[in-house]
C-alpha cells in the first residue's frame, strides 16, 4: 500500500459528558452525536461547526439509528427506553419503554422494514417500522448485547458471553454460533466488499471471519491493550479503523490485516480517554468520539 498520512481536521467540544455514539445523516450532511450529558448534538460535516438542531433526553444516549425512507431518528437510552423522532416534523412520535437495561445498539433493515434493538439485559427485539409494534423478542442469555451488524440476510449479534450469533432474517433462527472471544464481544462489523465479518472483544483481540466459508476464522490479532469498542470501514472498504478503551485509534489494511497507523495523544493529539465510537464519513474523512467529551475529525491522505 502507498504512503498514508493522518491529519487532524477539527476537534469539537460541545458535549458535557462522554460521547458514546455517532451517526451520519446523509441527506443534509450532518453528524449526530449521543452523550452521557443526555443530549443529541448535531454538527456540520463540511465546516466542522455546531448545527442548530439538538435533542434533550432524560438519560444518557447510548445508540442512534436513522430510518432513511421515513426520516425517523431512533434513540436508545441508558434507562432502556427507545425513542422515535420524526425529523421532518421535529417531534417525538413514539416512546417505547421495553427494556430494564440500556439500549446499546439500533439497526434498520430496509429490505424487511424491520428495526432491531439490542439491550443490556440480553434481549434482541424486532420491530415493525410501519407501526412500531413488537414483532419478536429473542433472549440471548443474561449477558449484554453490545452491537449488531447486517449483511444481506444475515444478522450478526455481539453477545456478552463471548459468542457471536448469526441469525437469518426470514424467521430469525440462529444459523451459526461463533465462539469468538474470551470475554464479551464489544464490536462487530461486516465488510461486504471482502465478504468478511470483523469482531472486537473485551479481550482486546480483533478477529476476521470468512462469511462465504461458514464463518471460518481467518485471523486473530491482539490489536489493542484494552477492549475494542468500535469498528468501521471507509467507502471502498479497503481501510478499517478501530477505537479502544486504551485511548487509541488504529488504522488497518483490510487486505493483509496489518496495522498502518496508531493514532494516540502523544503523536496525533488524539483522545485522552476511552475511544467509544468511530465512523467513516467518506473515503478520506473519519470521526471519533470518547470519554474525554471530544469529537475529532481526521483526514487520511494516500500518496
C-alpha atoms as a PDB file:
ATOM      1  CA  UNK A   1       0.000   0.000   0.000  1.00  0.00           C
ATOM      2  CA  UNK A   2       1.177   3.567  -0.721  1.00  0.00           C
ATOM      3  CA  UNK A   3       2.258   6.003   1.987  1.00  0.00           C
ATOM      4  CA  UNK A   4      -0.605   7.109   4.241  1.00  0.00           C
ATOM      5  CA  UNK A   5      -0.699  10.343   6.215  1.00  0.00           C
ATOM      6  CA  UNK A   6      -3.182  11.081   9.021  1.00  0.00           C
ATOM      7  CA  UNK A   7      -4.051  14.669   9.967  1.00  0.00           C
ATOM      8  CA  UNK A   8      -6.476  16.110  12.496  1.00  0.00           C
ATOM      9  CA  UNK A   9      -9.034  18.374  10.829  1.00  0.00           C
ATOM     10  CA  UNK A  10     -11.092  19.576  13.780  1.00  0.00           C
ATOM     11  CA  UNK A  11     -11.741  18.942  17.453  1.00  0.00           C
ATOM     12  CA  UNK A  12     -15.253  19.672  18.712  1.00  0.00           C
ATOM     13  CA  UNK A  13     -16.079  20.025  22.393  1.00  0.00           C
ATOM     14  CA  UNK A  14     -19.766  20.834  22.697  1.00  0.00           C
ATOM     15  CA  UNK A  15     -20.760  17.952  24.979  1.00  0.00           C
ATOM     16  CA  UNK A  16     -20.582  17.978  28.787  1.00  0.00           C
ATOM     17  CA  UNK A  17     -20.146  14.206  29.118  1.00  0.00           C
ATOM     18  CA  UNK A  18     -18.644  11.191  27.355  1.00  0.00           C
ATOM     19  CA  UNK A  19     -19.765  10.800  23.718  1.00  0.00           C
ATOM     20  CA  UNK A  20     -20.973   7.235  23.147  1.00  0.00           C
ATOM     21  CA  UNK A  21     -22.332   7.148  19.588  1.00  0.00           C
ATOM     22  CA  UNK A  22     -22.071   8.856  16.196  1.00  0.00           C
ATOM     23  CA  UNK A  23     -24.420   8.884  13.206  1.00  0.00           C
ATOM     24  CA  UNK A  24     -24.205  10.490   9.775  1.00  0.00           C
ATOM     25  CA  UNK A  25     -27.397  11.908   8.266  1.00  0.00           C
ATOM     26  CA  UNK A  26     -26.897  11.572   4.523  1.00  0.00           C
ATOM     27  CA  UNK A  27     -29.477  13.988   3.195  1.00  0.00           C
ATOM     28  CA  UNK A  28     -28.184  17.120   4.950  1.00  0.00           C
ATOM     29  CA  UNK A  29     -24.554  16.184   5.613  1.00  0.00           C
ATOM     30  CA  UNK A  30     -24.891  16.314   9.384  1.00  0.00           C
ATOM     31  CA  UNK A  31     -23.156  14.312  12.062  1.00  0.00           C
ATOM     32  CA  UNK A  32     -25.232  13.443  15.134  1.00  0.00           C
ATOM     33  CA  UNK A  33     -23.632  12.593  18.472  1.00  0.00           C
ATOM     34  CA  UNK A  34     -25.130  11.000  21.573  1.00  0.00           C
ATOM     35  CA  UNK A  35     -23.697  11.661  25.004  1.00  0.00           C
ATOM     36  CA  UNK A  36     -23.874  10.930  28.726  1.00  0.00           C
ATOM     37  CA  UNK A  37     -24.952  14.572  29.124  1.00  0.00           C
ATOM     38  CA  UNK A  38     -28.407  13.417  27.889  1.00  0.00           C
ATOM     39  CA  UNK A  39     -28.058  15.428  24.682  1.00  0.00           C
ATOM     40  CA  UNK A  40     -28.015  14.612  20.982  1.00  0.00           C
ATOM     41  CA  UNK A  41     -25.822  17.161  19.260  1.00  0.00           C
ATOM     42  CA  UNK A  42     -25.522  17.887  15.550  1.00  0.00           C
ATOM     43  CA  UNK A  43     -22.538  19.098  13.566  1.00  0.00           C
ATOM     44  CA  UNK A  44     -21.968  20.305  10.024  1.00  0.00           C
ATOM     45  CA  UNK A  45     -19.587  17.847   8.371  1.00  0.00           C
ATOM     46  CA  UNK A  46     -18.287  20.369   5.822  1.00  0.00           C
ATOM     47  CA  UNK A  47     -17.485  23.233   8.201  1.00  0.00           C
ATOM     48  CA  UNK A  48     -16.949  21.236  11.422  1.00  0.00           C
ATOM     49  CA  UNK A  49     -19.296  23.587  13.255  1.00  0.00           C
ATOM     50  CA  UNK A  50     -22.318  23.027  15.531  1.00  0.00           C
ATOM     51  CA  UNK A  51     -25.724  22.874  13.898  1.00  0.00           C
ATOM     52  CA  UNK A  52     -28.825  24.415  15.463  1.00  0.00           C
ATOM     53  CA  UNK A  53     -30.562  21.024  15.819  1.00  0.00           C
ATOM     54  CA  UNK A  54     -30.276  19.252  19.182  1.00  0.00           C
ATOM     55  CA  UNK A  55     -32.399  16.927  21.301  1.00  0.00           C
ATOM     56  CA  UNK A  56     -32.611  16.798  25.086  1.00  0.00           C
ATOM     57  CA  UNK A  57     -33.351  13.362  26.559  1.00  0.00           C
ATOM     58  CA  UNK A  58     -33.946  12.063  30.082  1.00  0.00           C
ATOM     59  CA  UNK A  59     -30.985   9.652  30.184  1.00  0.00           C
ATOM     60  CA  UNK A  60     -27.578   9.027  28.607  1.00  0.00           C
ATOM     61  CA  UNK A  61     -27.728   8.459  24.837  1.00  0.00           C
ATOM     62  CA  UNK A  62     -26.151   5.092  24.011  1.00  0.00           C
ATOM     63  CA  UNK A  63     -27.304   4.467  20.415  1.00  0.00           C
ATOM     64  CA  UNK A  64     -28.609   6.262  17.329  1.00  0.00           C
ATOM     65  CA  UNK A  65     -30.119   4.979  14.085  1.00  0.00           C
ATOM     66  CA  UNK A  66     -31.680   6.702  11.070  1.00  0.00           C
ATOM     67  CA  UNK A  67     -34.624   5.192   9.202  1.00  0.00           C
ATOM     68  CA  UNK A  68     -33.846   6.969   5.956  1.00  0.00           C
ATOM     69  CA  UNK A  69     -37.082   6.348   3.945  1.00  0.00           C
ATOM     70  CA  UNK A  70     -39.194   7.772   6.794  1.00  0.00           C
ATOM     71  CA  UNK A  71     -36.622  10.288   8.054  1.00  0.00           C
ATOM     72  CA  UNK A  72     -37.027   8.957  11.567  1.00  0.00           C
ATOM     73  CA  UNK A  73     -34.316   9.162  14.198  1.00  0.00           C
ATOM     74  CA  UNK A  74     -34.241   6.247  16.644  1.00  0.00           C
ATOM     75  CA  UNK A  75     -32.611   6.891  20.010  1.00  0.00           C
ATOM     76  CA  UNK A  76     -31.605   4.261  22.570  1.00  0.00           C
ATOM     77  CA  UNK A  77     -31.081   5.413  26.148  1.00  0.00           C
ATOM     78  CA  UNK A  78     -29.306   4.128  29.234  1.00  0.00           C
ATOM     79  CA  UNK A  79     -32.631   3.715  31.052  1.00  0.00           C
ATOM     80  CA  UNK A  80     -33.826   1.145  28.494  1.00  0.00           C
ATOM     81  CA  UNK A  81     -36.226   3.365  26.559  1.00  0.00           C
ATOM     82  CA  UNK A  82     -36.349   3.638  22.768  1.00  0.00           C
ATOM     83  CA  UNK A  83     -37.482   6.949  21.282  1.00  0.00           C
ATOM     84  CA  UNK A  84     -38.608   7.568  17.713  1.00  0.00           C
ATOM     85  CA  UNK A  85     -38.322  11.145  16.420  1.00  0.00           C
ATOM     86  CA  UNK A  86     -39.818  12.381  13.151  1.00  0.00           C
ATOM     87  CA  UNK A  87     -37.102  14.673  11.781  1.00  0.00           C
ATOM     88  CA  UNK A  88     -39.468  16.263   9.268  1.00  0.00           C
ATOM     89  CA  UNK A  89     -41.863  17.352  11.991  1.00  0.00           C
ATOM     90  CA  UNK A  90     -39.084  17.658  14.589  1.00  0.00           C
ATOM     91  CA  UNK A  91     -41.127  15.895  17.218  1.00  0.00           C
ATOM     92  CA  UNK A  92     -41.201  12.558  19.023  1.00  0.00           C
ATOM     93  CA  UNK A  93     -43.811  10.159  17.682  1.00  0.00           C
ATOM     94  CA  UNK A  94     -43.107   7.116  19.853  1.00  0.00           C
ATOM     95  CA  UNK A  95     -41.588   6.367  23.249  1.00  0.00           C
ATOM     96  CA  UNK A  96     -41.093   2.638  23.685  1.00  0.00           C
ATOM     97  CA  UNK A  97     -40.475   1.521  27.262  1.00  0.00           C
ATOM     98  CA  UNK A  98     -39.443  -2.071  26.772  1.00  0.00           C
ATOM     99  CA  UNK A  99     -36.133  -2.804  28.493  1.00  0.00           C
ATOM    100  CA  UNK A 100     -34.826  -2.540  32.028  1.00  0.00           C
ATOM    101  CA  UNK A 101     -31.225  -2.135  30.825  1.00  0.00           C
ATOM    102  CA  UNK A 102     -29.554   0.207  28.304  1.00  0.00           C
ATOM    103  CA  UNK A 103     -30.262   0.042  24.573  1.00  0.00           C
ATOM    104  CA  UNK A 104     -26.718  -0.423  23.288  1.00  0.00           C
ATOM    105  CA  UNK A 105     -27.396  -0.634  19.551  1.00  0.00           C
ATOM    106  CA  UNK A 106     -30.153   0.005  16.997  1.00  0.00           C
ATOM    107  CA  UNK A 107     -30.102  -1.156  13.370  1.00  0.00           C
ATOM    108  CA  UNK A 108     -32.534  -0.726  10.467  1.00  0.00           C
ATOM    109  CA  UNK A 109     -33.186  -3.408   7.847  1.00  0.00           C
ATOM    110  CA  UNK A 110     -34.564  -1.525   4.820  1.00  0.00           C
ATOM    111  CA  UNK A 111     -35.396  -4.720   2.916  1.00  0.00           C
ATOM    112  CA  UNK A 112     -37.580  -6.109   5.695  1.00  0.00           C
ATOM    113  CA  UNK A 113     -38.598  -2.694   7.074  1.00  0.00           C
ATOM    114  CA  UNK A 114     -37.653  -4.009  10.485  1.00  0.00           C
ATOM    115  CA  UNK A 115     -35.865  -2.216  13.287  1.00  0.00           C
ATOM    116  CA  UNK A 116     -33.535  -4.181  15.562  1.00  0.00           C
ATOM    117  CA  UNK A 117     -32.673  -3.112  19.098  1.00  0.00           C
ATOM    118  CA  UNK A 118     -30.104  -4.742  21.363  1.00  0.00           C
ATOM    119  CA  UNK A 119     -30.200  -4.375  25.119  1.00  0.00           C
ATOM    120  CA  UNK A 120     -28.081  -4.797  28.188  1.00  0.00           C
ATOM    121  CA  UNK A 121     -30.458  -7.414  29.514  1.00  0.00           C
ATOM    122  CA  UNK A 122     -29.568  -9.777  26.675  1.00  0.00           C
ATOM    123  CA  UNK A 123     -32.670  -9.322  24.527  1.00  0.00           C
ATOM    124  CA  UNK A 124     -32.758  -8.724  20.771  1.00  0.00           C
ATOM    125  CA  UNK A 125     -36.042  -7.135  19.703  1.00  0.00           C
ATOM    126  CA  UNK A 126     -37.514  -6.824  16.215  1.00  0.00           C
ATOM    127  CA  UNK A 127     -39.964  -4.009  15.466  1.00  0.00           C
ATOM    128  CA  UNK A 128     -42.248  -3.239  12.520  1.00  0.00           C
ATOM    129  CA  UNK A 129     -41.297   0.279  11.389  1.00  0.00           C
ATOM    130  CA  UNK A 130     -44.767   0.979   9.964  1.00  0.00           C
ATOM    131  CA  UNK A 131     -46.429   0.643  13.365  1.00  0.00           C
ATOM    132  CA  UNK A 132     -43.514   0.120  15.783  1.00  0.00           C
ATOM    133  CA  UNK A 133     -45.294  -2.934  17.006  1.00  0.00           C
ATOM    134  CA  UNK A 134     -43.057  -5.535  18.604  1.00  0.00           C
ATOM    135  CA  UNK A 135     -42.748  -8.496  16.256  1.00  0.00           C
ATOM    136  CA  UNK A 136     -40.325 -10.681  18.161  1.00  0.00           C
ATOM    137  CA  UNK A 137     -38.261 -10.823  21.337  1.00  0.00           C
ATOM    138  CA  UNK A 138     -35.208 -13.090  21.192  1.00  0.00           C
ATOM    139  CA  UNK A 139     -33.461 -13.703  24.538  1.00  0.00           C
ATOM    140  CA  UNK A 140     -29.717 -14.222  24.049  1.00  0.00           C
ATOM    141  CA  UNK A 141     -28.874 -15.033  27.660  1.00  0.00           C
ATOM    142  CA  UNK A 142     -28.186 -12.944  30.732  1.00  0.00           C
ATOM    143  CA  UNK A 143     -25.298 -11.008  29.202  1.00  0.00           C
ATOM    144  CA  UNK A 144     -25.315  -7.667  27.382  1.00  0.00           C
ATOM    145  CA  UNK A 145     -25.791  -7.435  23.626  1.00  0.00           C
ATOM    146  CA  UNK A 146     -23.391  -4.689  22.602  1.00  0.00           C
ATOM    147  CA  UNK A 147     -23.685  -4.437  18.822  1.00  0.00           C
ATOM    148  CA  UNK A 148     -25.417  -5.675  15.668  1.00  0.00           C
ATOM    149  CA  UNK A 149     -24.371  -5.844  12.023  1.00  0.00           C
ATOM    150  CA  UNK A 150     -26.350  -6.744   8.902  1.00  0.00           C
ATOM    151  CA  UNK A 151     -25.165  -8.407   5.684  1.00  0.00           C
ATOM    152  CA  UNK A 152     -27.847  -9.383   3.137  1.00  0.00           C
ATOM    153  CA  UNK A 153     -29.959 -11.914   5.059  1.00  0.00           C
ATOM    154  CA  UNK A 154     -27.534 -12.430   7.946  1.00  0.00           C
ATOM    155  CA  UNK A 155     -27.812 -10.542  11.235  1.00  0.00           C
ATOM    156  CA  UNK A 156     -24.739 -10.779  13.475  1.00  0.00           C
ATOM    157  CA  UNK A 157     -25.221 -10.287  17.216  1.00  0.00           C
ATOM    158  CA  UNK A 158     -22.311  -9.445  19.553  1.00  0.00           C
ATOM    159  CA  UNK A 159     -23.002 -11.176  22.858  1.00  0.00           C
ATOM    160  CA  UNK A 160     -21.600 -10.669  26.315  1.00  0.00           C
ATOM    161  CA  UNK A 161     -20.783 -14.353  26.753  1.00  0.00           C
ATOM    162  CA  UNK A 162     -18.038 -14.107  24.109  1.00  0.00           C
ATOM    163  CA  UNK A 163     -20.122 -15.598  21.312  1.00  0.00           C
ATOM    164  CA  UNK A 164     -21.290 -14.106  18.019  1.00  0.00           C
ATOM    165  CA  UNK A 165     -24.666 -15.415  16.968  1.00  0.00           C
ATOM    166  CA  UNK A 166     -25.654 -15.251  13.290  1.00  0.00           C
ATOM    167  CA  UNK A 167     -29.392 -15.190  12.581  1.00  0.00           C
ATOM    168  CA  UNK A 168     -31.139 -15.470   9.230  1.00  0.00           C
ATOM    169  CA  UNK A 169     -33.563 -12.596   8.698  1.00  0.00           C
ATOM    170  CA  UNK A 170     -36.541 -14.550   7.314  1.00  0.00           C
ATOM    171  CA  UNK A 171     -37.596 -16.204  10.570  1.00  0.00           C
ATOM    172  CA  UNK A 172     -34.708 -15.070  12.789  1.00  0.00           C
ATOM    173  CA  UNK A 173     -33.406 -18.519  13.543  1.00  0.00           C
ATOM    174  CA  UNK A 174     -29.812 -18.950  14.660  1.00  0.00           C
ATOM    175  CA  UNK A 175     -27.720 -20.486  11.875  1.00  0.00           C
ATOM    176  CA  UNK A 176     -24.194 -20.046  13.299  1.00  0.00           C
ATOM    177  CA  UNK A 177     -22.745 -19.619  16.764  1.00  0.00           C
ATOM    178  CA  UNK A 178     -19.125 -18.435  16.803  1.00  0.00           C
ATOM    179  CA  UNK A 179     -17.078 -18.940  19.941  1.00  0.00           C
ATOM    180  CA  UNK A 180     -15.338 -15.656  19.262  1.00  0.00           C
ATOM    181  CA  UNK A 181     -13.731 -14.003  22.280  1.00  0.00           C
ATOM    182  CA  UNK A 182     -12.585 -14.902  25.774  1.00  0.00           C
ATOM    183  CA  UNK A 183     -14.970 -12.329  27.228  1.00  0.00           C
ATOM    184  CA  UNK A 184     -17.681 -10.032  25.920  1.00  0.00           C
ATOM    185  CA  UNK A 185     -17.866  -9.232  22.185  1.00  0.00           C
ATOM    186  CA  UNK A 186     -17.957  -5.434  22.136  1.00  0.00           C
ATOM    187  CA  UNK A 187     -17.964  -4.646  18.395  1.00  0.00           C
ATOM    188  CA  UNK A 188     -18.802  -6.332  15.093  1.00  0.00           C
ATOM    189  CA  UNK A 189     -18.952  -5.086  11.522  1.00  0.00           C
ATOM    190  CA  UNK A 190     -19.497  -6.766   8.153  1.00  0.00           C
ATOM    191  CA  UNK A 191     -17.113  -5.851   5.338  1.00  0.00           C
ATOM    192  CA  UNK A 192     -19.320  -6.673   2.367  1.00  0.00           C
ATOM    193  CA  UNK A 193     -16.702  -5.942  -0.308  1.00  0.00           C
ATOM    194  CA  UNK A 194     -14.414  -8.645   1.073  1.00  0.00           C
ATOM    195  CA  UNK A 195     -17.126 -10.952   2.461  1.00  0.00           C
ATOM    196  CA  UNK A 196     -15.772 -10.642   5.993  1.00  0.00           C
ATOM    197  CA  UNK A 197     -17.128 -10.209   9.476  1.00  0.00           C
ATOM    198  CA  UNK A 198     -14.743  -8.446  11.858  1.00  0.00           C
ATOM    199  CA  UNK A 199     -15.192  -8.609  15.624  1.00  0.00           C
ATOM    200  CA  UNK A 200     -13.532  -6.868  18.540  1.00  0.00           C
ATOM    201  CA  UNK A 201     -13.670  -8.066  22.110  1.00  0.00           C
ATOM    202  CA  UNK A 202     -13.137  -7.083  25.701  1.00  0.00           C
ATOM    203  CA  UNK A 203     -10.041  -9.296  25.341  1.00  0.00           C
ATOM    204  CA  UNK A 204      -8.569  -6.585  23.024  1.00  0.00           C
ATOM    205  CA  UNK A 205      -8.378  -9.020  20.080  1.00  0.00           C
ATOM    206  CA  UNK A 206      -9.594  -8.426  16.536  1.00  0.00           C
ATOM    207  CA  UNK A 207     -10.925 -11.462  14.692  1.00  0.00           C
ATOM    208  CA  UNK A 208     -11.639 -11.865  10.980  1.00  0.00           C
ATOM    209  CA  UNK A 209     -14.314 -14.350   9.855  1.00  0.00           C
ATOM    210  CA  UNK A 210     -14.873 -15.710   6.326  1.00  0.00           C
ATOM    211  CA  UNK A 211     -18.599 -15.232   5.676  1.00  0.00           C
ATOM    212  CA  UNK A 212     -18.551 -17.333   2.490  1.00  0.00           C
ATOM    213  CA  UNK A 213     -16.882 -20.290   4.232  1.00  0.00           C
ATOM    214  CA  UNK A 214     -19.324 -20.808   7.111  1.00  0.00           C
ATOM    215  CA  UNK A 215     -17.670 -18.031   9.136  1.00  0.00           C
ATOM    216  CA  UNK A 216     -14.359 -19.813   9.400  1.00  0.00           C
ATOM    217  CA  UNK A 217     -11.843 -17.880  11.487  1.00  0.00           C
ATOM    218  CA  UNK A 218      -9.194 -16.383   9.186  1.00  0.00           C
ATOM    219  CA  UNK A 219      -7.099 -14.316  11.568  1.00  0.00           C
ATOM    220  CA  UNK A 220      -6.888 -13.379  15.246  1.00  0.00           C
ATOM    221  CA  UNK A 221      -4.829 -10.330  16.258  1.00  0.00           C
ATOM    222  CA  UNK A 222      -4.003  -8.892  19.706  1.00  0.00           C
ATOM    223  CA  UNK A 223      -4.888  -5.470  18.361  1.00  0.00           C
ATOM    224  CA  UNK A 224      -5.202  -3.164  21.383  1.00  0.00           C
ATOM    225  CA  UNK A 225      -4.326  -3.066  25.076  1.00  0.00           C
ATOM    226  CA  UNK A 226      -7.933  -2.963  26.277  1.00  0.00           C
ATOM    227  CA  UNK A 227     -11.463  -3.575  24.961  1.00  0.00           C
ATOM    228  CA  UNK A 228     -12.242  -2.696  21.323  1.00  0.00           C
ATOM    229  CA  UNK A 229     -15.393  -0.604  21.316  1.00  0.00           C
ATOM    230  CA  UNK A 230     -15.787   0.332  17.649  1.00  0.00           C
ATOM    231  CA  UNK A 231     -15.009  -0.840  14.100  1.00  0.00           C
ATOM    232  CA  UNK A 232     -15.745   0.859  10.783  1.00  0.00           C
ATOM    233  CA  UNK A 233     -14.618   0.819   7.118  1.00  0.00           C
ATOM    234  CA  UNK A 234     -14.027   3.523   4.532  1.00  0.00           C
ATOM    235  CA  UNK A 235     -16.132   3.862   1.374  1.00  0.00           C
ATOM    236  CA  UNK A 236     -14.420   1.160  -0.686  1.00  0.00           C
ATOM    237  CA  UNK A 237     -13.909  -0.974   2.447  1.00  0.00           C
ATOM    238  CA  UNK A 238     -10.154  -1.273   1.942  1.00  0.00           C
ATOM    239  CA  UNK A 239      -9.281   0.517   5.196  1.00  0.00           C
ATOM    240  CA  UNK A 240     -10.538  -0.185   8.701  1.00  0.00           C
ATOM    241  CA  UNK A 241     -10.429   1.885  11.872  1.00  0.00           C
ATOM    242  CA  UNK A 242     -10.796   0.570  15.413  1.00  0.00           C
ATOM    243  CA  UNK A 243     -11.357   2.508  18.629  1.00  0.00           C
ATOM    244  CA  UNK A 244     -10.456   1.192  22.047  1.00  0.00           C
ATOM    245  CA  UNK A 245     -10.643   1.741  25.772  1.00  0.00           C
ATOM    246  CA  UNK A 246      -6.840   2.071  25.592  1.00  0.00           C
ATOM    247  CA  UNK A 247      -7.409   5.639  24.263  1.00  0.00           C
ATOM    248  CA  UNK A 248      -6.099   4.863  20.771  1.00  0.00           C
ATOM    249  CA  UNK A 249      -7.456   4.606  17.254  1.00  0.00           C
ATOM    250  CA  UNK A 250      -5.791   2.233  14.824  1.00  0.00           C
ATOM    251  CA  UNK A 251      -5.901   2.259  11.024  1.00  0.00           C
ATOM    252  CA  UNK A 252      -5.682  -1.145   9.293  1.00  0.00           C
ATOM    253  CA  UNK A 253      -5.188  -2.564   5.815  1.00  0.00           C
ATOM    254  CA  UNK A 254      -8.145  -4.917   5.449  1.00  0.00           C
ATOM    255  CA  UNK A 255      -6.434  -6.981   2.728  1.00  0.00           C
ATOM    256  CA  UNK A 256      -3.446  -8.132   4.778  1.00  0.00           C
ATOM    257  CA  UNK A 257      -4.811  -7.428   8.289  1.00  0.00           C
ATOM    258  CA  UNK A 258      -1.802  -5.242   9.097  1.00  0.00           C
ATOM    259  CA  UNK A 259      -1.796  -2.028  11.106  1.00  0.00           C
ATOM    260  CA  UNK A 260      -0.968   1.137   9.156  1.00  0.00           C
ATOM    261  CA  UNK A 261      -1.133   3.844  11.829  1.00  0.00           C
ATOM    262  CA  UNK A 262      -1.545   4.067  15.596  1.00  0.00           C
ATOM    263  CA  UNK A 263      -3.333   7.322  16.418  1.00  0.00           C
ATOM    264  CA  UNK A 264      -2.664   8.381  20.005  1.00  0.00           C
ATOM    265  CA  UNK A 265      -2.466  11.500  22.141  1.00  0.00           C
ATOM    266  CA  UNK A 266       1.316  11.795  22.033  1.00  0.00           C
ATOM    267  CA  UNK A 267       1.787  11.749  18.260  1.00  0.00           C
ATOM    268  CA  UNK A 268      -1.557  12.988  16.926  1.00  0.00           C
ATOM    269  CA  UNK A 269      -3.195  14.949  19.775  1.00  0.00           C
ATOM    270  CA  UNK A 270      -5.936  12.315  19.843  1.00  0.00           C
ATOM    271  CA  UNK A 271      -8.165  11.292  22.743  1.00  0.00           C
ATOM    272  CA  UNK A 272      -7.139  11.416  26.397  1.00  0.00           C
ATOM    273  CA  UNK A 273      -9.665   8.777  27.471  1.00  0.00           C
ATOM    274  CA  UNK A 274     -11.502   5.762  26.057  1.00  0.00           C
ATOM    275  CA  UNK A 275     -12.476   5.937  22.364  1.00  0.00           C
ATOM    276  CA  UNK A 276     -16.144   4.919  22.247  1.00  0.00           C
ATOM    277  CA  UNK A 277     -17.127   5.406  18.602  1.00  0.00           C
ATOM    278  CA  UNK A 278     -15.500   5.702  15.170  1.00  0.00           C
ATOM    279  CA  UNK A 279     -17.264   6.480  11.902  1.00  0.00           C
ATOM    280  CA  UNK A 280     -16.047   6.899   8.324  1.00  0.00           C
ATOM    281  CA  UNK A 281     -17.714   9.870   6.645  1.00  0.00           C
ATOM    282  CA  UNK A 282     -16.333   9.095   3.175  1.00  0.00           C
ATOM    283  CA  UNK A 283     -13.203   7.644   1.579  1.00  0.00           C
ATOM    284  CA  UNK A 284     -10.877  10.143   3.288  1.00  0.00           C
ATOM    285  CA  UNK A 285     -12.584  11.538   6.394  1.00  0.00           C
ATOM    286  CA  UNK A 286     -13.447   9.707   9.596  1.00  0.00           C
ATOM    287  CA  UNK A 287     -14.572  10.891  13.012  1.00  0.00           C
ATOM    288  CA  UNK A 288     -14.032   9.600  16.540  1.00  0.00           C
ATOM    289  CA  UNK A 289     -15.511  10.318  19.968  1.00  0.00           C
ATOM    290  CA  UNK A 290     -14.702   9.340  23.515  1.00  0.00           C
ATOM    291  CA  UNK A 291     -14.960   9.654  27.254  1.00  0.00           C
ATOM    292  CA  UNK A 292     -12.979  12.920  27.052  1.00  0.00           C
ATOM    293  CA  UNK A 293     -16.184  14.537  25.626  1.00  0.00           C
ATOM    294  CA  UNK A 294     -14.375  15.264  22.357  1.00  0.00           C
ATOM    295  CA  UNK A 295     -15.435  14.665  18.759  1.00  0.00           C
ATOM    296  CA  UNK A 296     -12.436  14.643  16.402  1.00  0.00           C
ATOM    297  CA  UNK A 297     -12.426  14.713  12.597  1.00  0.00           C
ATOM    298  CA  UNK A 298      -9.498  13.062  10.824  1.00  0.00           C
ATOM    299  CA  UNK A 299      -8.266  13.040   7.219  1.00  0.00           C
ATOM    300  CA  UNK A 300      -6.471  10.131   5.558  1.00  0.00           C
ATOM    301  CA  UNK A 301      -4.236  11.090   2.626  1.00  0.00           C
ATOM    302  CA  UNK A 302      -2.748   8.404   0.376  1.00  0.00           C
ATOM    303  CA  UNK A 303       0.367   9.498  -1.543  1.00  0.00           C
END
